[in-house]
Amino acid sequence: MTQTNTHVLRTLGNSDMALTSIGFGAWAIGGGNWEFGWGPQDDNQSIAAIHRALDLGVNWIDTAAIYGLGRSEEVVGRALQSTSHKPYVFTKCSMRWHADRSIYRSLKAASLREEVENSLRRLGVETIDLYQIHWPNPEEEIEEGWEALARFREEGKVRWIGVSNFSVEQMKRALRIAPITSLQPPYSMLRPTIEQEILPFVQKNGIGVINYSPMVSGLLTGKMTAERIAAFPADDWRSRNVEFQEPRLSRNLRLVELLRQMGRSRGVGPGVVAVAWTLHHSAITAAIVGGRSPEQVEGMAPALEFRLSEEEFAEINGFLSANPV
């Protein structure tokens, strides 16, 4: 690990990239009007949020072509054009859309070549720092897709290649073709399943991990109430998420109160504590933290530095054990 600007940096897998412990996640800034949308979003607010994250020291951005059906990448591109900061830029492929905004999936080489060219254009960069297969679907096309990404790397279109949402078996299939720099899995105190097989495997194989949804899509930020969730706009996918519904919701909101108490004495919000819980695992290189406004970003900035003590970590795990789903 190296230290610069007071932020601890960790190297991602086999790459030369030293990452801040949180990165800017650009899913929500894709807005609404698509299957996995987050409701209305102001692009100027999104750009201001990205600029604030970079000013506070965050040195990487993670997006995907599918977020807002190209909109998130375009907004990230606009933000990059209007800042002197040079963050690492990560994006993902494999989920595509038809003219009617319906989504389909392809790992065919020709499809991925169209995707990488479109992403380069939208982002306004010459090279993508980390290019990831978003989902291992269609399963039978994994090898063709991973071969294509390895080729893009040889051509200089991308610097490093990774996978997202892959199982151990799927990673083994990819590793027969080319090294994997990183895995992007969901990981949080409400979704710890990757601890069993996936995290030991990536540690053994030198694969970095950037986890997504450490705050469970905003649920653990301390800003959610049953009333706010009931009033989600129709095009906010979270209204269909089991963690936002009873019987889990009441338990999850009690967990947030524990995180709030724990963070209060150290001047941070529940979301920062939730992110720190994921960073506590030695296999996690860095966590993806979304932001839709400069204010949200400022609230999460302490996660660059904040870490849990062993006692605090044990207290959270005690609550989770005593209150199973």
C-alpha atoms as a PDB file:
ATOM      1  CA  MET A   1       0.000   0.000   0.000  1.00  0.00           C
ATOM      2  CA  THR A   2       1.167   3.514  -0.692  1.00  0.00           C
ATOM      3  CA  GLN A   3       0.148   6.817   0.812  1.00  0.00           C
ATOM      4  CA  THR A   4      -0.442  10.026  -1.171  1.00  0.00           C
ATOM      5  CA  ASN A   5      -2.630  13.035  -0.417  1.00  0.00           C
ATOM      6  CA  THR A   6      -3.120  11.350   2.993  1.00  0.00           C
ATOM      7  CA  HIS A   7      -5.377   8.740   1.296  1.00  0.00           C
ATOM      8  CA  VAL A   8      -4.285   5.117   1.510  1.00  0.00           C
ATOM      9  CA  LEU A   9      -4.091   3.624  -1.981  1.00  0.00           C
ATOM     10  CA  ARG A  10      -4.356  -0.084  -2.810  1.00  0.00           C
ATOM     11  CA  THR A  11      -3.189  -1.695  -6.025  1.00  0.00           C
ATOM     12  CA  LEU A  12      -5.953  -3.389  -8.023  1.00  0.00           C
ATOM     13  CA  GLY A  13      -5.005  -7.002  -8.753  1.00  0.00           C
ATOM     14  CA  ASN A  14      -2.224  -7.407 -11.328  1.00  0.00           C
ATOM     15  CA  SER A  15      -2.594  -3.827 -12.590  1.00  0.00           C
ATOM     16  CA  ASP A  16      -0.444  -0.717 -12.100  1.00  0.00           C
ATOM     17  CA  MET A  17      -3.471   1.196 -10.743  1.00  0.00           C
ATOM     18  CA  ALA A  18      -3.373   2.332  -7.113  1.00  0.00           C
ATOM     19  CA  LEU A  19      -6.957   3.118  -6.073  1.00  0.00           C
ATOM     20  CA  THR A  20      -8.467   5.225  -3.335  1.00  0.00           C
ATOM     21  CA  SER A  21     -10.559   3.066  -1.009  1.00  0.00           C
ATOM     22  CA  ILE A  22     -13.787   4.359  -2.550  1.00  0.00           C
ATOM     23  CA  GLY A  23     -14.583   5.230  -6.156  1.00  0.00           C
ATOM     24  CA  PHE A  24     -17.432   7.206  -7.712  1.00  0.00           C
ATOM     25  CA  GLY A  25     -20.211   4.854  -8.828  1.00  0.00           C
ATOM     26  CA  ALA A  26     -22.162   6.201 -11.799  1.00  0.00           C
ATOM     27  CA  TRP A  27     -25.188   3.867 -11.939  1.00  0.00           C
ATOM     28  CA  ALA A  28     -27.729   6.240 -10.370  1.00  0.00           C
ATOM     29  CA  ILE A  29     -26.680   9.214 -12.525  1.00  0.00           C
ATOM     30  CA  GLY A  30     -27.991   7.268 -15.525  1.00  0.00           C
ATOM     31  CA  GLY A  31     -31.397   8.434 -14.255  1.00  0.00           C
ATOM     32  CA  GLY A  32     -34.757   6.823 -14.980  1.00  0.00           C
ATOM     33  CA  ASN A  33     -36.772   5.650 -17.989  1.00  0.00           C
ATOM     34  CA  TRP A  34     -35.070   2.252 -18.272  1.00  0.00           C
ATOM     35  CA  GLU A  35     -35.455  -1.134 -16.605  1.00  0.00           C
ATOM     36  CA  PHE A  36     -32.913  -0.560 -13.799  1.00  0.00           C
ATOM     37  CA  GLY A  37     -33.322   3.217 -13.503  1.00  0.00           C
ATOM     38  CA  TRP A  38     -33.265   5.359 -10.383  1.00  0.00           C
ATOM     39  CA  GLY A  39     -35.918   7.905 -11.288  1.00  0.00           C
ATOM     40  CA  PRO A  40     -35.340  11.460 -12.597  1.00  0.00           C
ATOM     41  CA  GLN A  41     -31.812  12.878 -12.416  1.00  0.00           C
ATOM     42  CA  ASP A  42     -30.354  16.295 -13.330  1.00  0.00           C
ATOM     43  CA  ASP A  43     -27.180  15.888 -15.440  1.00  0.00           C
ATOM     44  CA  ASN A  44     -25.695  19.127 -14.103  1.00  0.00           C
ATOM     45  CA  GLN A  45     -26.089  17.785 -10.564  1.00  0.00           C
ATOM     46  CA  SER A  46     -24.371  14.572 -11.679  1.00  0.00           C
ATOM     47  CA  ILE A  47     -21.418  16.471 -13.145  1.00  0.00           C
ATOM     48  CA  ALA A  48     -21.137  18.581  -9.991  1.00  0.00           C
ATOM     49  CA  ALA A  49     -21.172  15.371  -7.915  1.00  0.00           C
ATOM     50  CA  ILE A  50     -18.338  13.860  -9.981  1.00  0.00           C
ATOM     51  CA  HIS A  51     -16.285  17.063  -9.739  1.00  0.00           C
ATOM     52  CA  ARG A  52     -16.792  17.167  -5.953  1.00  0.00           C
ATOM     53  CA  ALA A  53     -15.663  13.539  -5.597  1.00  0.00           C
ATOM     54  CA  LEU A  54     -12.506  14.242  -7.602  1.00  0.00           C
ATOM     55  CA  ASP A  55     -11.789  17.435  -5.644  1.00  0.00           C
ATOM     56  CA  LEU A  56     -12.049  15.430  -2.402  1.00  0.00           C
ATOM     57  CA  GLY A  57      -9.444  12.959  -3.646  1.00  0.00           C
ATOM     58  CA  VAL A  58     -11.420  10.063  -5.188  1.00  0.00           C
ATOM     59  CA  ASN A  59      -9.271   8.780  -8.067  1.00  0.00           C
ATOM     60  CA  TRP A  60     -11.529   6.397 -10.009  1.00  0.00           C
ATOM     61  CA  ILE A  61     -14.989   6.335 -11.593  1.00  0.00           C
ATOM     62  CA  ASP A  62     -16.981   3.196 -12.368  1.00  0.00           C
ATOM     63  CA  THR A  63     -19.783   3.284 -14.927  1.00  0.00           C
ATOM     64  CA  ALA A  64     -21.331   0.990 -17.554  1.00  0.00           C
ATOM     65  CA  ALA A  65     -22.726   1.397 -21.046  1.00  0.00           C
ATOM     66  CA  ILE A  66     -26.125   0.177 -19.875  1.00  0.00           C
ATOM     67  CA  TYR A  67     -26.554   2.784 -17.098  1.00  0.00           C
ATOM     68  CA  GLY A  68     -29.252   5.064 -18.470  1.00  0.00           C
ATOM     69  CA  LEU A  69     -28.678   3.409 -21.874  1.00  0.00           C
ATOM     70  CA  GLY A  70     -25.507   5.376 -22.602  1.00  0.00           C
ATOM     71  CA  ARG A  71     -26.466   8.427 -20.562  1.00  0.00           C
ATOM     72  CA  SER A  72     -24.178   7.720 -17.585  1.00  0.00           C
ATOM     73  CA  GLU A  73     -21.110   7.334 -19.822  1.00  0.00           C
ATOM     74  CA  GLU A  74     -21.962  10.565 -21.645  1.00  0.00           C
ATOM     75  CA  VAL A  75     -22.327  12.450 -18.352  1.00  0.00           C
ATOM     76  CA  VAL A  76     -19.013  11.032 -17.083  1.00  0.00           C
ATOM     77  CA  GLY A  77     -17.430  12.142 -20.363  1.00  0.00           C
ATOM     78  CA  ARG A  78     -18.769  15.675 -19.913  1.00  0.00           C
ATOM     79  CA  ALA A  79     -17.495  15.764 -16.335  1.00  0.00           C
ATOM     80  CA  LEU A  80     -14.013  14.650 -17.446  1.00  0.00           C
ATOM     81  CA  GLN A  81     -13.860  17.359 -20.105  1.00  0.00           C
ATOM     82  CA  SER A  82     -14.486  20.073 -17.525  1.00  0.00           C
ATOM     83  CA  THR A  83     -11.957  19.103 -14.828  1.00  0.00           C
ATOM     84  CA  SER A  84      -8.173  19.070 -14.550  1.00  0.00           C
ATOM     85  CA  HIS A  85      -8.282  15.830 -12.537  1.00  0.00           C
ATOM     86  CA  LYS A  86      -7.319  12.626 -14.371  1.00  0.00           C
ATOM     87  CA  PRO A  87      -9.144   9.778 -12.602  1.00  0.00           C
ATOM     88  CA  TYR A  88      -9.042   6.166 -13.714  1.00  0.00           C
ATOM     89  CA  VAL A  89     -12.164   5.401 -15.773  1.00  0.00           C
ATOM     90  CA  PHE A  90     -13.797   1.960 -15.577  1.00  0.00           C
ATOM     91  CA  THR A  91     -16.795   0.781 -17.588  1.00  0.00           C
ATOM     92  CA  LYS A  92     -18.596  -2.443 -18.478  1.00  0.00           C
ATOM     93  CA  CYS A  93     -20.060  -4.274 -21.457  1.00  0.00           C
ATOM     94  CA  SER A  94     -22.462  -7.134 -22.341  1.00  0.00           C
ATOM     95  CA  MET A  95     -25.833  -5.462 -21.676  1.00  0.00           C
ATOM     96  CA  ARG A  96     -27.237  -3.711 -24.747  1.00  0.00           C
ATOM     97  CA  TRP A  97     -30.551  -2.166 -25.729  1.00  0.00           C
ATOM     98  CA  HIS A  98     -32.970  -2.005 -28.640  1.00  0.00           C
ATOM     99  CA  ALA A  99     -34.586   1.154 -30.022  1.00  0.00           C
ATOM    100  CA  ASP A 100     -37.611   0.565 -27.738  1.00  0.00           C
ATOM    101  CA  ARG A 101     -35.224   0.653 -24.709  1.00  0.00           C
ATOM    102  CA  SER A 102     -35.646  -3.061 -24.002  1.00  0.00           C
ATOM    103  CA  ILE A 103     -32.426  -4.767 -22.880  1.00  0.00           C
ATOM    104  CA  TYR A 104     -30.637  -7.750 -24.380  1.00  0.00           C
ATOM    105  CA  ARG A 105     -27.311  -9.402 -23.603  1.00  0.00           C
ATOM    106  CA  SER A 106     -24.440 -10.392 -25.852  1.00  0.00           C
ATOM    107  CA  LEU A 107     -20.817 -11.473 -25.401  1.00  0.00           C
ATOM    108  CA  LYS A 108     -20.264 -11.979 -29.139  1.00  0.00           C
ATOM    109  CA  ALA A 109     -16.958 -10.504 -30.288  1.00  0.00           C
ATOM    110  CA  ALA A 110     -18.545  -8.267 -32.925  1.00  0.00           C
ATOM    111  CA  SER A 111     -21.092  -6.922 -30.429  1.00  0.00           C
ATOM    112  CA  LEU A 112     -18.394  -6.183 -27.837  1.00  0.00           C
ATOM    113  CA  ARG A 113     -16.320  -4.362 -30.466  1.00  0.00           C
ATOM    114  CA  GLU A 114     -19.290  -2.081 -31.171  1.00  0.00           C
ATOM    115  CA  GLU A 115     -19.680  -1.582 -27.418  1.00  0.00           C
ATOM    116  CA  VAL A 116     -16.060  -0.664 -26.719  1.00  0.00           C
ATOM    117  CA  GLU A 117     -16.017   1.849 -29.603  1.00  0.00           C
ATOM    118  CA  ASN A 118     -19.282   3.399 -28.368  1.00  0.00           C
ATOM    119  CA  SER A 119     -17.969   3.613 -24.791  1.00  0.00           C
ATOM    120  CA  LEU A 120     -14.710   5.252 -25.902  1.00  0.00           C
ATOM    121  CA  ARG A 121     -16.719   7.821 -27.864  1.00  0.00           C
ATOM    122  CA  ARG A 122     -19.222   8.573 -25.085  1.00  0.00           C
ATOM    123  CA  LEU A 123     -16.522   8.824 -22.423  1.00  0.00           C
ATOM    124  CA  GLY A 124     -14.283  10.925 -24.659  1.00  0.00           C
ATOM    125  CA  VAL A 125     -11.159   8.937 -23.723  1.00  0.00           C
ATOM    126  CA  GLU A 126      -8.521   7.250 -25.881  1.00  0.00           C
ATOM    127  CA  THR A 127      -8.185   4.244 -23.587  1.00  0.00           C
ATOM    128  CA  ILE A 128     -10.476   2.728 -20.940  1.00  0.00           C
ATOM    129  CA  ASP A 129      -8.487   1.963 -17.777  1.00  0.00           C
ATOM    130  CA  LEU A 130     -10.551  -1.092 -16.791  1.00  0.00           C
ATOM    131  CA  TYR A 131     -13.042  -2.805 -19.114  1.00  0.00           C
ATOM    132  CA  GLN A 132     -15.315  -5.358 -17.460  1.00  0.00           C
ATOM    133  CA  ILE A 133     -17.812  -7.973 -18.596  1.00  0.00           C
ATOM    134  CA  HIS A 134     -20.900  -6.774 -16.716  1.00  0.00           C
ATOM    135  CA  TRP A 135     -22.720 -10.115 -16.431  1.00  0.00           C
ATOM    136  CA  PRO A 136     -21.701 -13.643 -17.479  1.00  0.00           C
ATOM    137  CA  ASN A 137     -24.654 -13.833 -19.880  1.00  0.00           C
ATOM    138  CA  PRO A 138     -25.158 -15.552 -22.229  1.00  0.00           C
ATOM    139  CA  GLU A 139     -23.191 -18.169 -20.305  1.00  0.00           C
ATOM    140  CA  GLU A 140     -22.124 -20.058 -23.438  1.00  0.00           C
ATOM    141  CA  GLU A 141     -20.475 -16.908 -24.837  1.00  0.00           C
ATOM    142  CA  ILE A 142     -18.130 -16.264 -21.867  1.00  0.00           C
ATOM    143  CA  GLU A 143     -15.030 -17.567 -23.674  1.00  0.00           C
ATOM    144  CA  GLU A 144     -15.739 -15.586 -26.846  1.00  0.00           C
ATOM    145  CA  GLY A 145     -16.344 -12.457 -24.787  1.00  0.00           C
ATOM    146  CA  TRP A 146     -13.205 -12.797 -22.684  1.00  0.00           C
ATOM    147  CA  GLU A 147     -11.073 -13.450 -25.786  1.00  0.00           C
ATOM    148  CA  ALA A 148     -12.482 -10.233 -27.263  1.00  0.00           C
ATOM    149  CA  LEU A 149     -11.557  -8.217 -24.157  1.00  0.00           C
ATOM    150  CA  ALA A 150      -8.029  -9.661 -24.200  1.00  0.00           C
ATOM    151  CA  ARG A 151      -7.779  -8.548 -27.844  1.00  0.00           C
ATOM    152  CA  PHE A 152      -8.959  -5.008 -27.016  1.00  0.00           C
ATOM    153  CA  ARG A 153      -6.177  -4.872 -24.443  1.00  0.00           C
ATOM    154  CA  GLU A 154      -3.572  -5.929 -27.020  1.00  0.00           C
ATOM    155  CA  GLU A 155      -4.910  -3.219 -29.345  1.00  0.00           C
ATOM    156  CA  GLY A 156      -4.585  -0.563 -26.624  1.00  0.00           C
ATOM    157  CA  LYS A 157      -8.305   0.249 -26.473  1.00  0.00           C
ATOM    158  CA  VAL A 158      -8.351  -0.831 -22.814  1.00  0.00           C
ATOM    159  CA  ARG A 159      -5.540  -1.060 -20.260  1.00  0.00           C
ATOM    160  CA  TRP A 160      -6.836  -3.815 -17.968  1.00  0.00           C
ATOM    161  CA  ILE A 161      -9.732  -6.272 -18.098  1.00  0.00           C
ATOM    162  CA  GLY A 162     -12.040  -7.564 -15.394  1.00  0.00           C
ATOM    163  CA  VAL A 163     -15.298  -9.359 -14.729  1.00  0.00           C
ATOM    164  CA  SER A 164     -18.419  -8.525 -12.744  1.00  0.00           C
ATOM    165  CA  ASN A 165     -20.934 -10.884 -11.120  1.00  0.00           C
ATOM    166  CA  PHE A 166     -18.893 -13.989 -12.073  1.00  0.00           C
ATOM    167  CA  SER A 167     -18.865 -17.219 -10.059  1.00  0.00           C
ATOM    168  CA  VAL A 168     -15.651 -19.123  -9.240  1.00  0.00           C
ATOM    169  CA  GLU A 169     -16.345 -21.579 -12.078  1.00  0.00           C
ATOM    170  CA  GLN A 170     -16.878 -18.744 -14.564  1.00  0.00           C
ATOM    171  CA  MET A 171     -13.645 -17.049 -13.457  1.00  0.00           C
ATOM    172  CA  LYS A 172     -11.775 -20.327 -13.937  1.00  0.00           C
ATOM    173  CA  ARG A 173     -13.056 -20.478 -17.523  1.00  0.00           C
ATOM    174  CA  ALA A 174     -11.846 -16.926 -18.183  1.00  0.00           C
ATOM    175  CA  LEU A 175      -8.451 -17.549 -16.558  1.00  0.00           C
ATOM    176  CA  ARG A 176      -7.697 -20.298 -19.095  1.00  0.00           C
ATOM    177  CA  ILE A 177      -7.743 -17.551 -21.756  1.00  0.00           C
ATOM    178  CA  ALA A 178      -6.223 -14.467 -20.100  1.00  0.00           C
ATOM    179  CA  PRO A 179      -5.515 -13.089 -16.604  1.00  0.00           C
ATOM    180  CA  ILE A 180      -8.340 -11.354 -14.704  1.00  0.00           C
ATOM    181  CA  THR A 181      -7.335  -8.029 -13.155  1.00  0.00           C
ATOM    182  CA  SER A 182     -10.467  -7.600 -11.050  1.00  0.00           C
ATOM    183  CA  LEU A 183     -13.859  -8.883 -10.000  1.00  0.00           C
ATOM    184  CA  GLN A 184     -16.813  -6.571  -9.308  1.00  0.00           C
ATOM    185  CA  PRO A 185     -19.339  -8.380  -7.075  1.00  0.00           C
ATOM    186  CA  PRO A 186     -22.193  -7.159  -4.879  1.00  0.00           C
ATOM    187  CA  TYR A 187     -20.992  -7.142  -1.274  1.00  0.00           C
ATOM    188  CA  SER A 188     -22.467  -5.646   1.863  1.00  0.00           C
ATOM    189  CA  MET A 189     -23.482  -6.647   5.359  1.00  0.00           C
ATOM    190  CA  LEU A 190     -26.862  -7.650   3.846  1.00  0.00           C
ATOM    191  CA  ARG A 191     -25.243  -9.614   0.990  1.00  0.00           C
ATOM    192  CA  PRO A 192     -22.138 -11.328   2.397  1.00  0.00           C
ATOM    193  CA  THR A 193     -22.372 -14.555   0.348  1.00  0.00           C
ATOM    194  CA  ILE A 194     -19.136 -13.948  -1.619  1.00  0.00           C
ATOM    195  CA  GLU A 195     -17.170 -14.513   1.614  1.00  0.00           C
ATOM    196  CA  GLN A 196     -17.680 -18.278   1.331  1.00  0.00           C
ATOM    197  CA  GLU A 197     -16.046 -19.226  -1.998  1.00  0.00           C
ATOM    198  CA  ILE A 198     -15.468 -16.169  -4.154  1.00  0.00           C
ATOM    199  CA  LEU A 199     -13.253 -14.013  -1.911  1.00  0.00           C
ATOM    200  CA  PRO A 200     -10.890 -16.886  -0.966  1.00  0.00           C
ATOM    201  CA  PHE A 201     -10.563 -17.714  -4.692  1.00  0.00           C
ATOM    202  CA  VAL A 202      -9.721 -14.184  -5.795  1.00  0.00           C
ATOM    203  CA  GLN A 203      -7.192 -13.784  -2.966  1.00  0.00           C
ATOM    204  CA  LYS A 204      -5.468 -17.013  -3.976  1.00  0.00           C
ATOM    205  CA  ASN A 205      -5.355 -15.916  -7.620  1.00  0.00           C
ATOM    206  CA  GLY A 206      -4.250 -12.302  -7.135  1.00  0.00           C
ATOM    207  CA  ILE A 207      -7.508 -10.853  -8.499  1.00  0.00           C
ATOM    208  CA  GLY A 208      -8.501  -7.422  -7.150  1.00  0.00           C
ATOM    209  CA  VAL A 209     -12.035  -6.741  -5.929  1.00  0.00           C
ATOM    210  CA  ILE A 210     -14.110  -3.574  -6.261  1.00  0.00           C
ATOM    211  CA  ASN A 211     -17.431  -4.299  -4.594  1.00  0.00           C
ATOM    212  CA  TYR A 212     -20.668  -2.626  -5.573  1.00  0.00           C
ATOM    213  CA  SER A 213     -23.708  -1.707  -3.466  1.00  0.00           C
ATOM    214  CA  PRO A 214     -21.844  -1.584  -0.118  1.00  0.00           C
ATOM    215  CA  MET A 215     -24.760   0.535   1.168  1.00  0.00           C
ATOM    216  CA  VAL A 216     -27.353  -1.671  -0.585  1.00  0.00           C
ATOM    217  CA  SER A 217     -28.374   0.980  -3.131  1.00  0.00           C
ATOM    218  CA  GLY A 218     -28.839   3.705  -0.533  1.00  0.00           C
ATOM    219  CA  LEU A 219     -30.708   1.605   2.042  1.00  0.00           C
ATOM    220  CA  LEU A 220     -27.918   1.869   4.638  1.00  0.00           C
ATOM    221  CA  THR A 221     -27.186   5.580   4.165  1.00  0.00           C
ATOM    222  CA  GLY A 222     -29.506   6.683   6.954  1.00  0.00           C
ATOM    223  CA  LYS A 223     -31.597   8.711   4.522  1.00  0.00           C
ATOM    224  CA  MET A 224     -34.225   6.010   3.933  1.00  0.00           C
ATOM    225  CA  THR A 225     -37.513   5.755   5.780  1.00  0.00           C
ATOM    226  CA  ALA A 226     -40.490   3.484   5.145  1.00  0.00           C
ATOM    227  CA  GLU A 227     -42.375   6.577   3.929  1.00  0.00           C
ATOM    228  CA  ARG A 228     -39.682   7.620   1.467  1.00  0.00           C
ATOM    229  CA  ILE A 229     -39.420   4.091   0.077  1.00  0.00           C
ATOM    230  CA  ALA A 230     -43.229   3.894  -0.324  1.00  0.00           C
ATOM    231  CA  ALA A 231     -43.038   7.102  -2.380  1.00  0.00           C
ATOM    232  CA  PHE A 232     -40.340   5.936  -4.816  1.00  0.00           C
ATOM    233  CA  PRO A 233     -41.140   6.932  -8.429  1.00  0.00           C
ATOM    234  CA  ALA A 234     -42.425   4.108 -10.624  1.00  0.00           C
ATOM    235  CA  ASP A 235     -39.141   3.985 -12.586  1.00  0.00           C
ATOM    236  CA  ASP A 236     -36.990   3.471  -9.455  1.00  0.00           C
ATOM    237  CA  TRP A 237     -36.006  -0.217  -9.578  1.00  0.00           C
ATOM    238  CA  ARG A 238     -35.442  -0.301  -5.798  1.00  0.00           C
ATOM    239  CA  SER A 239     -39.186  -0.465  -5.147  1.00  0.00           C
ATOM    240  CA  ARG A 240     -38.948  -4.071  -6.412  1.00  0.00           C
ATOM    241  CA  ASN A 241     -35.880  -4.995  -4.289  1.00  0.00           C
ATOM    242  CA  VAL A 242     -36.584  -7.489  -1.474  1.00  0.00           C
ATOM    243  CA  GLU A 243     -34.367  -5.561   0.997  1.00  0.00           C
ATOM    244  CA  PHE A 244     -36.648  -2.512   0.603  1.00  0.00           C
ATOM    245  CA  GLN A 245     -39.779  -4.576   1.370  1.00  0.00           C
ATOM    246  CA  GLU A 246     -41.197  -6.129   4.523  1.00  0.00           C
ATOM    247  CA  PRO A 247     -40.363  -8.236   6.439  1.00  0.00           C
ATOM    248  CA  ARG A 248     -36.754  -7.301   5.739  1.00  0.00           C
ATOM    249  CA  LEU A 249     -37.197  -3.544   5.683  1.00  0.00           C
ATOM    250  CA  SER A 250     -37.935  -3.136   9.426  1.00  0.00           C
ATOM    251  CA  ARG A 251     -34.896  -5.222  10.376  1.00  0.00           C
ATOM    252  CA  ASN A 252     -32.709  -3.261   7.922  1.00  0.00           C
ATOM    253  CA  LEU A 253     -33.838   0.098   9.308  1.00  0.00           C
ATOM    254  CA  ARG A 254     -32.985  -1.131  12.837  1.00  0.00           C
ATOM    255  CA  LEU A 255     -29.531  -2.029  11.534  1.00  0.00           C
ATOM    256  CA  VAL A 256     -29.196   1.508  10.181  1.00  0.00           C
ATOM    257  CA  GLU A 257     -29.865   2.861  13.690  1.00  0.00           C
ATOM    258  CA  LEU A 258     -26.976   0.758  15.039  1.00  0.00           C
ATOM    259  CA  LEU A 259     -24.708   2.111  12.278  1.00  0.00           C
ATOM    260  CA  ARG A 260     -25.900   5.635  13.051  1.00  0.00           C
ATOM    261  CA  GLN A 261     -25.008   5.302  16.748  1.00  0.00           C
ATOM    262  CA  MET A 262     -21.633   3.807  15.883  1.00  0.00           C
ATOM    263  CA  GLY A 263     -20.771   6.570  13.439  1.00  0.00           C
ATOM    264  CA  ARG A 264     -22.085   9.425  15.584  1.00  0.00           C
ATOM    265  CA  SER A 265     -19.249   9.291  18.113  1.00  0.00           C
ATOM    266  CA  ARG A 266     -16.751   9.592  15.264  1.00  0.00           C
ATOM    267  CA  GLY A 267     -18.638  12.165  13.227  1.00  0.00           C
ATOM    268  CA  VAL A 268     -19.689  10.008  10.264  1.00  0.00           C
ATOM    269  CA  GLY A 269     -23.028   8.815   8.900  1.00  0.00           C
ATOM    270  CA  PRO A 270     -24.374   5.239   8.752  1.00  0.00           C
ATOM    271  CA  GLY A 271     -23.416   4.863   5.082  1.00  0.00           C
ATOM    272  CA  VAL A 272     -19.743   5.485   5.838  1.00  0.00           C
ATOM    273  CA  VAL A 273     -19.879   2.762   8.513  1.00  0.00           C
ATOM    274  CA  ALA A 274     -21.535   0.380   6.022  1.00  0.00           C
ATOM    275  CA  VAL A 275     -18.783   0.981   3.454  1.00  0.00           C
ATOM    276  CA  ALA A 276     -16.089   0.488   6.117  1.00  0.00           C
ATOM    277  CA  TRP A 277     -17.642  -2.886   6.998  1.00  0.00           C
ATOM    278  CA  THR A 278     -16.945  -4.101   3.442  1.00  0.00           C
ATOM    279  CA  LEU A 279     -13.418  -2.633   3.388  1.00  0.00           C
ATOM    280  CA  HIS A 280     -12.677  -4.595   6.580  1.00  0.00           C
ATOM    281  CA  HIS A 281     -12.263  -7.763   4.465  1.00  0.00           C
ATOM    282  CA  SER A 282      -8.672  -8.092   3.251  1.00  0.00           C
ATOM    283  CA  ALA A 283      -9.793  -9.277  -0.223  1.00  0.00           C
ATOM    284  CA  ILE A 284     -11.615  -6.006  -0.969  1.00  0.00           C
ATOM    285  CA  THR A 285      -9.396  -3.532  -2.822  1.00  0.00           C
ATOM    286  CA  ALA A 286     -11.910  -0.684  -2.873  1.00  0.00           C
ATOM    287  CA  ALA A 287     -15.656  -0.033  -2.781  1.00  0.00           C
ATOM    288  CA  ILE A 288     -17.964   1.654  -5.290  1.00  0.00           C
ATOM    289  CA  VAL A 289     -19.978   4.484  -3.745  1.00  0.00           C
ATOM    290  CA  GLY A 290     -22.685   6.210  -5.785  1.00  0.00           C
ATOM    291  CA  GLY A 291     -23.490   9.897  -5.607  1.00  0.00           C
ATOM    292  CA  ARG A 292     -26.272  11.946  -7.229  1.00  0.00           C
ATOM    293  CA  SER A 293     -25.322  15.382  -5.827  1.00  0.00           C
ATOM    294  CA  PRO A 294     -22.278  17.143  -4.363  1.00  0.00           C
ATOM    295  CA  GLU A 295     -23.963  16.954  -0.931  1.00  0.00           C
ATOM    296  CA  GLN A 296     -24.275  13.161  -1.135  1.00  0.00           C
ATOM    297  CA  VAL A 297     -20.624  12.930  -2.146  1.00  0.00           C
ATOM    298  CA  GLU A 298     -19.536  15.102   0.789  1.00  0.00           C
ATOM    299  CA  GLY A 299     -21.472  12.873   3.184  1.00  0.00           C
ATOM    300  CA  MET A 300     -19.608   9.805   1.913  1.00  0.00           C
ATOM    301  CA  ALA A 301     -16.123  11.352   1.582  1.00  0.00           C
ATOM    302  CA  PRO A 302     -15.076  10.249   5.115  1.00  0.00           C
ATOM    303  CA  ALA A 303     -15.188   6.659   3.778  1.00  0.00           C
ATOM    304  CA  LEU A 304     -11.847   7.443   2.104  1.00  0.00           C
ATOM    305  CA  GLU A 305     -10.276   7.239   5.581  1.00  0.00           C
ATOM    306  CA  PHE A 306     -12.790   5.767   8.044  1.00  0.00           C
ATOM    307  CA  ARG A 307     -12.119   2.218   9.294  1.00  0.00           C
ATOM    308  CA  LEU A 308     -13.890   0.025  11.843  1.00  0.00           C
ATOM    309  CA  SER A 309     -12.204  -1.288  14.964  1.00  0.00           C
ATOM    310  CA  GLU A 310     -12.377  -5.055  15.573  1.00  0.00           C
ATOM    311  CA  GLU A 311     -14.879  -4.342  18.381  1.00  0.00           C
ATOM    312  CA  GLU A 312     -17.170  -2.310  16.110  1.00  0.00           C
ATOM    313  CA  PHE A 313     -16.949  -4.947  13.366  1.00  0.00           C
ATOM    314  CA  ALA A 314     -17.892  -7.650  15.891  1.00  0.00           C
ATOM    315  CA  GLU A 315     -20.816  -5.581  17.208  1.00  0.00           C
ATOM    316  CA  ILE A 316     -22.319  -5.231  13.720  1.00  0.00           C
ATOM    317  CA  ASN A 317     -21.860  -8.944  13.030  1.00  0.00           C
ATOM    318  CA  GLY A 318     -23.500  -9.695  16.390  1.00  0.00           C
ATOM    319  CA  PHE A 319     -26.592  -7.736  15.343  1.00  0.00           C
ATOM    320  CA  LEU A 320     -26.714  -9.552  11.985  1.00  0.00           C
ATOM    321  CA  SER A 321     -26.463 -12.949  13.699  1.00  0.00           C
ATOM    322  CA  ALA A 322     -29.112 -12.082  16.287  1.00  0.00           C
ATOM    323  CA  ASN A 323     -31.496 -10.707  13.626  1.00  0.00           C
ATOM    324  CA  PRO A 324     -31.416 -13.140  10.698  1.00  0.00           C
ATOM    325  CA  VAL A 325     -33.617 -12.533   7.690  1.00  0.00           C
END
